[in-house]
Amino acid sequence: MHTNIVTGDWQRLARFYETVFACRRLRPSRRLGGELIARGTGLATAQLEGVHLALPGHAPGGPTLEIFQYEEIAARAEAMPNARGFGHIAFEVADVAATRELALRHGGVSLGDIVCVPVAGVGAVTFVYVRDPDGNIIEVQSWDRTSAAPARSRRTRRSA
């Protein structure tokens, strides 16, 4: 249904996802608070605002990215690709390198190198990890399914 990202500046982060990944802002923006929101979140003073962004490639009513800014935000350690819990969100794009550069120009940070990995029976995926301006991890990927031949084993034989 949706994936939520909490930020210190919901407008800035929403613009990043709109610009880099062609997400579309859904109206109305949200401004929530009061007793029911406090009870539902378990936060005594839950006051928040934000927006839902439609994910590219989905029909109306499809999944969204929910960007919220709480009035009070708890600190958190920087996310790492191998940390327990939510790891990353992935976007399939036409050009991984161009999207990575666009992300970097709009406040993103590079995490790794662009690589191409054969996937047996599927094809090959080209991907890279980047961080959004808040440090959340994004996988940017592109698939080539025209070469869906089984991948060769990467094991080498030992000579006797």
N, C-alpha and C. Protein backbone atom coordinates (compact mmCIF):
# COMPACT_ATOMS: atom_id res chain seq x y z
N MET A 1 0.82 -1.19 0.00
CA MET A 1 0.00 0.00 0.00
C MET A 1 0.86 1.25 0.00
N HIS A 2 1.74 1.42 1.03
CA HIS A 2 2.68 2.55 1.02
C HIS A 2 3.89 2.23 1.88
N THR A 3 4.95 2.96 1.61
CA THR A 3 6.16 2.92 2.42
C THR A 3 6.34 4.32 2.98
N ASN A 4 6.62 4.43 4.27
CA ASN A 4 6.74 5.73 4.94
C ASN A 4 8.19 6.07 5.19
N ILE A 5 8.55 7.32 4.94
CA ILE A 5 9.86 7.86 5.30
C ILE A 5 9.61 9.10 6.16
N VAL A 6 10.23 9.13 7.33
CA VAL A 6 10.13 10.29 8.22
C VAL A 6 11.34 11.17 7.99
N THR A 7 11.11 12.46 7.89
CA THR A 7 12.16 13.42 7.56
C THR A 7 12.02 14.69 8.39
N GLY A 8 13.05 15.50 8.38
CA GLY A 8 12.99 16.79 9.04
C GLY A 8 12.45 17.88 8.13
N ASP A 9 12.31 17.61 6.84
CA ASP A 9 11.80 18.59 5.87
C ASP A 9 11.06 17.84 4.77
N TRP A 10 9.76 17.64 4.94
CA TRP A 10 9.00 16.81 4.01
C TRP A 10 8.93 17.41 2.61
N GLN A 11 8.90 18.72 2.50
CA GLN A 11 8.85 19.36 1.18
C GLN A 11 10.13 19.06 0.39
N ARG A 12 11.27 19.22 1.04
CA ARG A 12 12.57 18.97 0.38
C ARG A 12 12.69 17.52 -0.07
N LEU A 13 12.36 16.58 0.81
CA LEU A 13 12.51 15.18 0.47
C LEU A 13 11.50 14.76 -0.60
N ALA A 14 10.29 15.28 -0.55
CA ALA A 14 9.30 14.99 -1.59
C ALA A 14 9.81 15.47 -2.95
N ARG A 15 10.37 16.67 -2.99
CA ARG A 15 10.92 17.19 -4.27
C ARG A 15 12.03 16.30 -4.81
N PHE A 16 12.87 15.76 -3.93
CA PHE A 16 13.94 14.85 -4.35
C PHE A 16 13.34 13.65 -5.08
N TYR A 17 12.35 12.99 -4.48
CA TYR A 17 11.76 11.80 -5.10
C TYR A 17 10.96 12.14 -6.36
N GLU A 18 10.36 13.31 -6.40
CA GLU A 18 9.65 13.75 -7.60
C GLU A 18 10.65 14.01 -8.74
N THR A 19 11.75 14.67 -8.44
CA THR A 19 12.73 15.04 -9.45
C THR A 19 13.54 13.85 -9.94
N VAL A 20 14.04 13.05 -9.03
CA VAL A 20 14.95 11.96 -9.39
C VAL A 20 14.22 10.73 -9.90
N PHE A 21 13.08 10.38 -9.31
CA PHE A 21 12.42 9.13 -9.65
C PHE A 21 11.04 9.30 -10.27
N ALA A 22 10.65 10.52 -10.60
CA ALA A 22 9.38 10.80 -11.27
C ALA A 22 8.17 10.36 -10.45
N CYS A 23 8.28 10.40 -9.13
CA CYS A 23 7.11 10.17 -8.29
C CYS A 23 6.17 11.37 -8.47
N ARG A 24 4.86 11.13 -8.32
CA ARG A 24 3.88 12.20 -8.50
C ARG A 24 3.20 12.51 -7.16
N ARG A 25 3.15 13.79 -6.82
CA ARG A 25 2.53 14.24 -5.57
C ARG A 25 1.03 14.06 -5.66
N LEU A 26 0.46 13.43 -4.64
CA LEU A 26 -0.98 13.23 -4.56
C LEU A 26 -1.56 14.25 -3.59
N ARG A 27 -2.63 14.87 -3.96
CA ARG A 27 -3.30 15.85 -3.12
C ARG A 27 -4.40 15.15 -2.34
N PRO A 28 -4.75 15.59 -1.20
CA PRO A 28 -4.18 16.74 -0.49
C PRO A 28 -2.94 16.31 0.30
N SER A 29 -2.12 17.29 0.68
CA SER A 29 -1.05 16.99 1.63
C SER A 29 -1.73 16.71 2.97
N ARG A 30 -1.01 16.08 3.87
CA ARG A 30 -1.60 15.69 5.15
C ARG A 30 -1.09 16.58 6.28
N ARG A 31 -1.97 16.88 7.21
CA ARG A 31 -1.62 17.55 8.47
C ARG A 31 -2.44 16.81 9.52
N LEU A 32 -1.76 16.01 10.33
CA LEU A 32 -2.45 15.13 11.26
C LEU A 32 -1.97 15.36 12.69
N GLY A 33 -2.86 15.15 13.62
CA GLY A 33 -2.53 15.28 15.04
C GLY A 33 -3.77 15.01 15.86
N GLY A 34 -3.63 15.20 17.14
CA GLY A 34 -4.76 15.00 18.03
C GLY A 34 -4.76 13.64 18.69
N GLU A 35 -5.82 13.39 19.45
CA GLU A 35 -5.91 12.19 20.29
C GLU A 35 -5.85 10.90 19.49
N LEU A 36 -6.59 10.81 18.38
CA LEU A 36 -6.61 9.56 17.62
C LEU A 36 -5.24 9.24 17.00
N ILE A 37 -4.56 10.25 16.48
CA ILE A 37 -3.22 10.03 15.92
C ILE A 37 -2.25 9.64 17.04
N ALA A 38 -2.36 10.29 18.19
CA ALA A 38 -1.52 9.95 19.33
C ALA A 38 -1.76 8.50 19.76
N ARG A 39 -3.00 8.10 19.84
CA ARG A 39 -3.32 6.72 20.23
C ARG A 39 -2.84 5.72 19.18
N GLY A 40 -3.03 6.04 17.92
CA GLY A 40 -2.64 5.12 16.84
C GLY A 40 -1.14 4.95 16.71
N THR A 41 -0.38 6.02 16.94
CA THR A 41 1.08 5.95 16.81
C THR A 41 1.77 5.57 18.11
N GLY A 42 1.07 5.71 19.23
CA GLY A 42 1.69 5.46 20.52
C GLY A 42 2.57 6.62 20.97
N LEU A 43 2.45 7.77 20.29
CA LEU A 43 3.22 8.96 20.64
C LEU A 43 2.27 9.98 21.27
N ALA A 44 2.53 10.36 22.50
CA ALA A 44 1.62 11.24 23.23
C ALA A 44 1.37 12.57 22.52
N THR A 45 2.36 13.08 21.80
CA THR A 45 2.21 14.39 21.15
C THR A 45 2.41 14.29 19.64
N ALA A 46 1.85 13.31 19.02
CA ALA A 46 2.04 13.11 17.57
C ALA A 46 1.38 14.22 16.77
N GLN A 47 2.21 15.04 16.16
CA GLN A 47 1.77 16.09 15.22
C GLN A 47 2.64 15.91 13.99
N LEU A 48 2.03 15.78 12.83
CA LEU A 48 2.83 15.55 11.64
C LEU A 48 2.18 16.17 10.42
N GLU A 49 3.00 16.36 9.40
CA GLU A 49 2.48 16.78 8.11
C GLU A 49 3.32 16.12 7.04
N GLY A 50 2.76 16.03 5.85
CA GLY A 50 3.48 15.40 4.77
C GLY A 50 2.60 15.13 3.57
N VAL A 51 3.03 14.21 2.75
CA VAL A 51 2.39 13.96 1.47
C VAL A 51 2.60 12.52 1.05
N HIS A 52 1.70 12.04 0.20
CA HIS A 52 1.88 10.75 -0.47
C HIS A 52 2.34 11.02 -1.89
N LEU A 53 3.32 10.24 -2.35
CA LEU A 53 3.82 10.33 -3.71
C LEU A 53 3.48 9.03 -4.44
N ALA A 54 2.81 9.13 -5.59
CA ALA A 54 2.53 7.94 -6.39
C ALA A 54 3.83 7.45 -6.99
N LEU A 55 4.05 6.15 -6.90
CA LEU A 55 5.26 5.56 -7.47
C LEU A 55 5.12 5.42 -8.98
N PRO A 56 6.19 5.67 -9.71
CA PRO A 56 6.11 5.60 -11.18
C PRO A 56 5.79 4.19 -11.65
N GLY A 57 5.07 4.11 -12.77
CA GLY A 57 4.77 2.82 -13.37
C GLY A 57 3.55 2.12 -12.80
N HIS A 58 2.83 2.77 -11.90
CA HIS A 58 1.65 2.16 -11.30
C HIS A 58 0.40 2.97 -11.65
N ALA A 59 -0.70 2.27 -11.77
CA ALA A 59 -1.99 2.91 -12.07
C ALA A 59 -2.45 3.72 -10.86
N PRO A 60 -3.39 4.65 -11.08
CA PRO A 60 -3.96 5.38 -9.95
C PRO A 60 -4.47 4.41 -8.88
N GLY A 61 -4.24 4.75 -7.64
CA GLY A 61 -4.63 3.88 -6.53
C GLY A 61 -3.55 2.87 -6.18
N GLY A 62 -2.40 2.93 -6.89
CA GLY A 62 -1.30 2.01 -6.64
C GLY A 62 -0.50 2.41 -5.41
N PRO A 63 0.63 1.74 -5.19
CA PRO A 63 1.44 2.00 -3.99
C PRO A 63 2.01 3.41 -4.00
N THR A 64 2.25 3.92 -2.80
CA THR A 64 2.78 5.27 -2.65
C THR A 64 3.98 5.30 -1.71
N LEU A 65 4.71 6.38 -1.81
CA LEU A 65 5.77 6.69 -0.87
C LEU A 65 5.21 7.82 0.00
N GLU A 66 5.12 7.58 1.29
CA GLU A 66 4.54 8.53 2.23
C GLU A 66 5.69 9.26 2.92
N ILE A 67 5.77 10.57 2.71
CA ILE A 67 6.83 11.37 3.32
C ILE A 67 6.20 12.19 4.44
N PHE A 68 6.60 11.92 5.68
CA PHE A 68 6.05 12.61 6.83
C PHE A 68 7.13 13.33 7.62
N GLN A 69 6.75 14.47 8.18
CA GLN A 69 7.61 15.23 9.08
C GLN A 69 6.86 15.39 10.39
N TYR A 70 7.36 14.75 11.44
CA TYR A 70 6.77 14.89 12.77
C TYR A 70 7.29 16.17 13.41
N GLU A 71 6.47 16.75 14.26
CA GLU A 71 6.90 17.94 15.01
C GLU A 71 8.10 17.60 15.89
N GLU A 72 8.09 16.41 16.48
CA GLU A 72 9.22 15.91 17.27
C GLU A 72 9.76 14.67 16.58
N ILE A 73 11.05 14.69 16.26
CA ILE A 73 11.67 13.56 15.55
C ILE A 73 12.75 12.95 16.43
N ALA A 74 12.69 11.65 16.62
CA ALA A 74 13.69 10.94 17.40
C ALA A 74 14.94 10.72 16.55
N ALA A 75 16.11 10.79 17.17
CA ALA A 75 17.38 10.55 16.47
C ALA A 75 17.52 9.06 16.15
N ARG A 76 18.30 8.79 15.11
CA ARG A 76 18.53 7.40 14.70
C ARG A 76 19.92 7.32 14.08
N ALA A 77 20.58 6.20 14.27
CA ALA A 77 21.89 5.98 13.66
C ALA A 77 21.74 5.89 12.14
N GLU A 78 22.81 6.20 11.43
CA GLU A 78 22.78 6.13 9.98
C GLU A 78 22.53 4.70 9.52
N ALA A 79 21.63 4.55 8.55
CA ALA A 79 21.31 3.22 8.02
C ALA A 79 22.47 2.68 7.19
N MET A 80 22.66 1.39 7.25
CA MET A 80 23.67 0.70 6.43
C MET A 80 22.97 -0.41 5.65
N PRO A 81 23.48 -0.75 4.47
CA PRO A 81 22.81 -1.77 3.67
C PRO A 81 22.62 -3.11 4.38
N ASN A 82 23.49 -3.44 5.34
CA ASN A 82 23.39 -4.73 6.02
C ASN A 82 22.81 -4.64 7.43
N ALA A 83 22.22 -3.50 7.79
CA ALA A 83 21.65 -3.34 9.13
C ALA A 83 20.31 -4.07 9.24
N ARG A 84 20.01 -4.53 10.41
CA ARG A 84 18.74 -5.20 10.67
C ARG A 84 17.58 -4.23 10.45
N GLY A 85 16.49 -4.72 9.93
CA GLY A 85 15.31 -3.88 9.73
C GLY A 85 15.19 -3.42 8.29
N PHE A 86 14.45 -2.35 8.08
CA PHE A 86 14.25 -1.81 6.74
C PHE A 86 15.60 -1.54 6.09
N GLY A 87 15.82 -2.10 4.91
CA GLY A 87 17.11 -1.95 4.25
C GLY A 87 17.13 -0.83 3.23
N HIS A 88 16.27 -0.93 2.24
CA HIS A 88 16.27 0.09 1.19
C HIS A 88 14.98 0.02 0.39
N ILE A 89 14.76 1.04 -0.40
CA ILE A 89 13.68 1.06 -1.37
C ILE A 89 14.36 1.01 -2.74
N ALA A 90 13.77 0.33 -3.71
CA ALA A 90 14.39 0.20 -5.03
C ALA A 90 13.49 0.80 -6.10
N PHE A 91 14.14 1.44 -7.07
CA PHE A 91 13.44 1.98 -8.23
C PHE A 91 14.08 1.39 -9.48
N GLU A 92 13.26 0.90 -10.41
CA GLU A 92 13.75 0.46 -11.70
C GLU A 92 13.72 1.67 -12.63
N VAL A 93 14.84 1.92 -13.29
CA VAL A 93 14.99 3.09 -14.16
C VAL A 93 15.56 2.65 -15.50
N ALA A 94 15.48 3.53 -16.49
CA ALA A 94 16.02 3.23 -17.81
C ALA A 94 17.54 3.33 -17.83
N ASP A 95 18.11 4.27 -17.08
CA ASP A 95 19.55 4.52 -17.12
C ASP A 95 20.07 4.70 -15.69
N VAL A 96 20.74 3.68 -15.18
CA VAL A 96 21.23 3.70 -13.80
C VAL A 96 22.23 4.83 -13.59
N ALA A 97 23.19 4.98 -14.49
CA ALA A 97 24.23 6.00 -14.32
C ALA A 97 23.63 7.41 -14.33
N ALA A 98 22.73 7.67 -15.26
CA ALA A 98 22.12 9.00 -15.34
C ALA A 98 21.27 9.29 -14.11
N THR A 99 20.54 8.29 -13.61
CA THR A 99 19.71 8.49 -12.42
C THR A 99 20.58 8.70 -11.19
N ARG A 100 21.67 7.96 -11.10
CA ARG A 100 22.61 8.15 -9.98
C ARG A 100 23.14 9.59 -10.00
N GLU A 101 23.54 10.08 -11.14
CA GLU A 101 24.06 11.45 -11.25
C GLU A 101 22.99 12.47 -10.89
N LEU A 102 21.75 12.23 -11.32
CA LEU A 102 20.65 13.13 -10.98
C LEU A 102 20.43 13.15 -9.47
N ALA A 103 20.48 11.98 -8.84
CA ALA A 103 20.33 11.90 -7.38
C ALA A 103 21.44 12.69 -6.69
N LEU A 104 22.67 12.56 -7.18
CA LEU A 104 23.79 13.26 -6.56
C LEU A 104 23.65 14.78 -6.72
N ARG A 105 23.16 15.23 -7.86
CA ARG A 105 22.96 16.67 -8.09
C ARG A 105 21.87 17.25 -7.20
N HIS A 106 20.98 16.39 -6.71
CA HIS A 106 19.85 16.87 -5.90
C HIS A 106 19.98 16.48 -4.43
N GLY A 107 21.21 16.31 -3.97
CA GLY A 107 21.45 16.09 -2.54
C GLY A 107 21.66 14.65 -2.13
N GLY A 108 21.62 13.72 -3.07
CA GLY A 108 21.89 12.33 -2.76
C GLY A 108 23.38 12.10 -2.56
N VAL A 109 23.73 10.93 -2.03
CA VAL A 109 25.12 10.58 -1.76
C VAL A 109 25.35 9.17 -2.31
N SER A 110 26.48 8.98 -2.96
CA SER A 110 26.82 7.67 -3.52
C SER A 110 27.22 6.70 -2.41
N LEU A 111 26.77 5.46 -2.52
CA LEU A 111 27.13 4.43 -1.55
C LEU A 111 28.05 3.39 -2.15
N GLY A 112 27.93 3.10 -3.41
CA GLY A 112 28.72 2.04 -4.03
C GLY A 112 28.97 2.33 -5.49
N ASP A 113 29.52 1.34 -6.17
CA ASP A 113 29.80 1.44 -7.60
C ASP A 113 28.66 0.82 -8.40
N ILE A 114 28.53 1.24 -9.63
CA ILE A 114 27.56 0.63 -10.54
C ILE A 114 28.12 -0.72 -10.97
N VAL A 115 27.31 -1.77 -10.81
CA VAL A 115 27.72 -3.12 -11.20
C VAL A 115 26.61 -3.77 -12.00
N CYS A 116 26.98 -4.79 -12.77
CA CYS A 116 26.02 -5.58 -13.54
C CYS A 116 26.18 -7.02 -13.10
N VAL A 117 25.09 -7.63 -12.66
CA VAL A 117 25.12 -8.98 -12.12
C VAL A 117 24.19 -9.88 -12.93
N PRO A 118 24.71 -10.99 -13.48
CA PRO A 118 23.84 -11.94 -14.17
C PRO A 118 22.97 -12.68 -13.16
N VAL A 119 21.71 -12.89 -13.51
CA VAL A 119 20.77 -13.63 -12.66
C VAL A 119 20.24 -14.79 -13.49
N ALA A 120 20.59 -16.00 -13.12
CA ALA A 120 20.24 -17.18 -13.90
C ALA A 120 18.75 -17.24 -14.20
N GLY A 121 18.42 -17.43 -15.47
CA GLY A 121 17.04 -17.59 -15.88
C GLY A 121 16.25 -16.29 -15.96
N VAL A 122 16.86 -15.17 -15.59
CA VAL A 122 16.14 -13.89 -15.58
C VAL A 122 16.79 -12.90 -16.54
N GLY A 123 18.11 -12.79 -16.51
CA GLY A 123 18.82 -11.83 -17.34
C GLY A 123 19.97 -11.24 -16.55
N ALA A 124 20.08 -9.93 -16.58
CA ALA A 124 21.14 -9.26 -15.83
C ALA A 124 20.57 -7.97 -15.25
N VAL A 125 21.00 -7.67 -14.04
CA VAL A 125 20.57 -6.43 -13.39
C VAL A 125 21.78 -5.53 -13.20
N THR A 126 21.63 -4.29 -13.60
CA THR A 126 22.64 -3.27 -13.34
C THR A 126 22.10 -2.44 -12.19
N PHE A 127 22.93 -2.22 -11.15
CA PHE A 127 22.43 -1.48 -10.00
C PHE A 127 23.53 -0.72 -9.29
N VAL A 128 23.10 0.22 -8.47
CA VAL A 128 23.97 0.96 -7.56
C VAL A 128 23.11 1.39 -6.37
N TYR A 129 23.74 1.55 -5.22
CA TYR A 129 23.07 2.08 -4.05
C TYR A 129 23.46 3.54 -3.87
N VAL A 130 22.48 4.36 -3.54
CA VAL A 130 22.71 5.77 -3.19
C VAL A 130 21.89 6.06 -1.94
N ARG A 131 22.19 7.20 -1.32
CA ARG A 131 21.38 7.68 -0.20
C ARG A 131 20.61 8.90 -0.67
N ASP A 132 19.39 9.06 -0.15
CA ASP A 132 18.65 10.30 -0.41
C ASP A 132 19.23 11.38 0.50
N PRO A 133 18.76 12.62 0.42
CA PRO A 133 19.33 13.69 1.25
C PRO A 133 19.25 13.45 2.76
N ASP A 134 18.37 12.56 3.20
CA ASP A 134 18.26 12.24 4.63
C ASP A 134 19.06 11.00 5.02
N GLY A 135 19.73 10.37 4.06
CA GLY A 135 20.54 9.20 4.36
C GLY A 135 19.84 7.87 4.15
N ASN A 136 18.57 7.88 3.72
CA ASN A 136 17.86 6.63 3.44
C ASN A 136 18.47 5.97 2.20
N ILE A 137 18.55 4.66 2.21
CA ILE A 137 19.21 3.93 1.13
C ILE A 137 18.22 3.61 0.02
N ILE A 138 18.67 3.86 -1.22
CA ILE A 138 17.88 3.60 -2.42
C ILE A 138 18.71 2.72 -3.35
N GLU A 139 18.12 1.66 -3.85
CA GLU A 139 18.74 0.88 -4.91
C GLU A 139 18.19 1.37 -6.24
N VAL A 140 19.08 1.75 -7.13
CA VAL A 140 18.70 2.19 -8.47
C VAL A 140 19.08 1.05 -9.40
N GLN A 141 18.10 0.50 -10.11
CA GLN A 141 18.39 -0.68 -10.92
C GLN A 141 17.73 -0.64 -12.29
N SER A 142 18.33 -1.42 -13.20
CA SER A 142 17.81 -1.58 -14.55
C SER A 142 18.04 -3.04 -14.96
N TRP A 143 17.03 -3.65 -15.54
CA TRP A 143 17.11 -5.06 -15.93
C TRP A 143 17.27 -5.21 -17.42
N ASP A 144 18.11 -6.16 -17.82
CA ASP A 144 18.21 -6.61 -19.20
C ASP A 144 17.73 -8.05 -19.19
N ARG A 145 16.49 -8.25 -19.61
CA ARG A 145 15.91 -9.59 -19.58
C ARG A 145 16.06 -10.29 -20.93
N THR A 146 16.75 -9.66 -21.88
CA THR A 146 16.94 -10.30 -23.18
C THR A 146 17.98 -11.40 -23.12
N SER A 147 18.82 -11.38 -22.12
CA SER A 147 19.87 -12.40 -21.97
C SER A 147 19.54 -13.29 -20.78
N ALA A 148 18.41 -13.96 -20.83
CA ALA A 148 17.95 -14.76 -19.68
C ALA A 148 18.57 -16.14 -19.66
N ALA A 149 19.71 -16.32 -20.28
CA ALA A 149 20.40 -17.62 -20.24
C ALA A 149 20.95 -17.84 -18.83
N PRO A 150 21.10 -19.10 -18.44
CA PRO A 150 21.65 -19.37 -17.11
C PRO A 150 23.03 -18.75 -16.94
N ALA A 151 23.26 -18.17 -15.77
CA ALA A 151 24.56 -17.57 -15.48
C ALA A 151 25.59 -18.66 -15.27
N ARG A 152 26.83 -18.40 -15.66
CA ARG A 152 27.91 -19.35 -15.44
C ARG A 152 28.31 -19.33 -13.98
N SER A 153 28.74 -20.48 -13.53
CA SER A 153 29.20 -20.58 -12.15
C SER A 153 30.46 -19.76 -11.97
N ARG A 154 30.57 -19.09 -10.83
CA ARG A 154 31.76 -18.28 -10.55
C ARG A 154 32.83 -19.08 -9.80
N ARG A 155 32.55 -20.35 -9.53
CA ARG A 155 33.55 -21.18 -8.84
C ARG A 155 34.63 -21.60 -9.82
N THR A 156 35.82 -21.66 -9.35
CA THR A 156 36.93 -22.13 -10.19
C THR A 156 37.37 -23.49 -9.72
N ARG A 157 37.87 -24.28 -10.64
CA ARG A 157 38.37 -25.60 -10.27
C ARG A 157 39.83 -25.50 -9.86
N ARG A 158 40.18 -26.31 -8.89
CA ARG A 158 41.58 -26.38 -8.49
C ARG A 158 42.28 -27.40 -9.37
N SER A 159 43.48 -27.06 -9.78
CA SER A 159 44.23 -28.05 -10.54
C SER A 159 44.98 -28.95 -9.57
N ALA A 160 45.14 -30.18 -9.99
CA ALA A 160 45.79 -31.16 -9.12
C ALA A 160 47.28 -31.06 -9.12
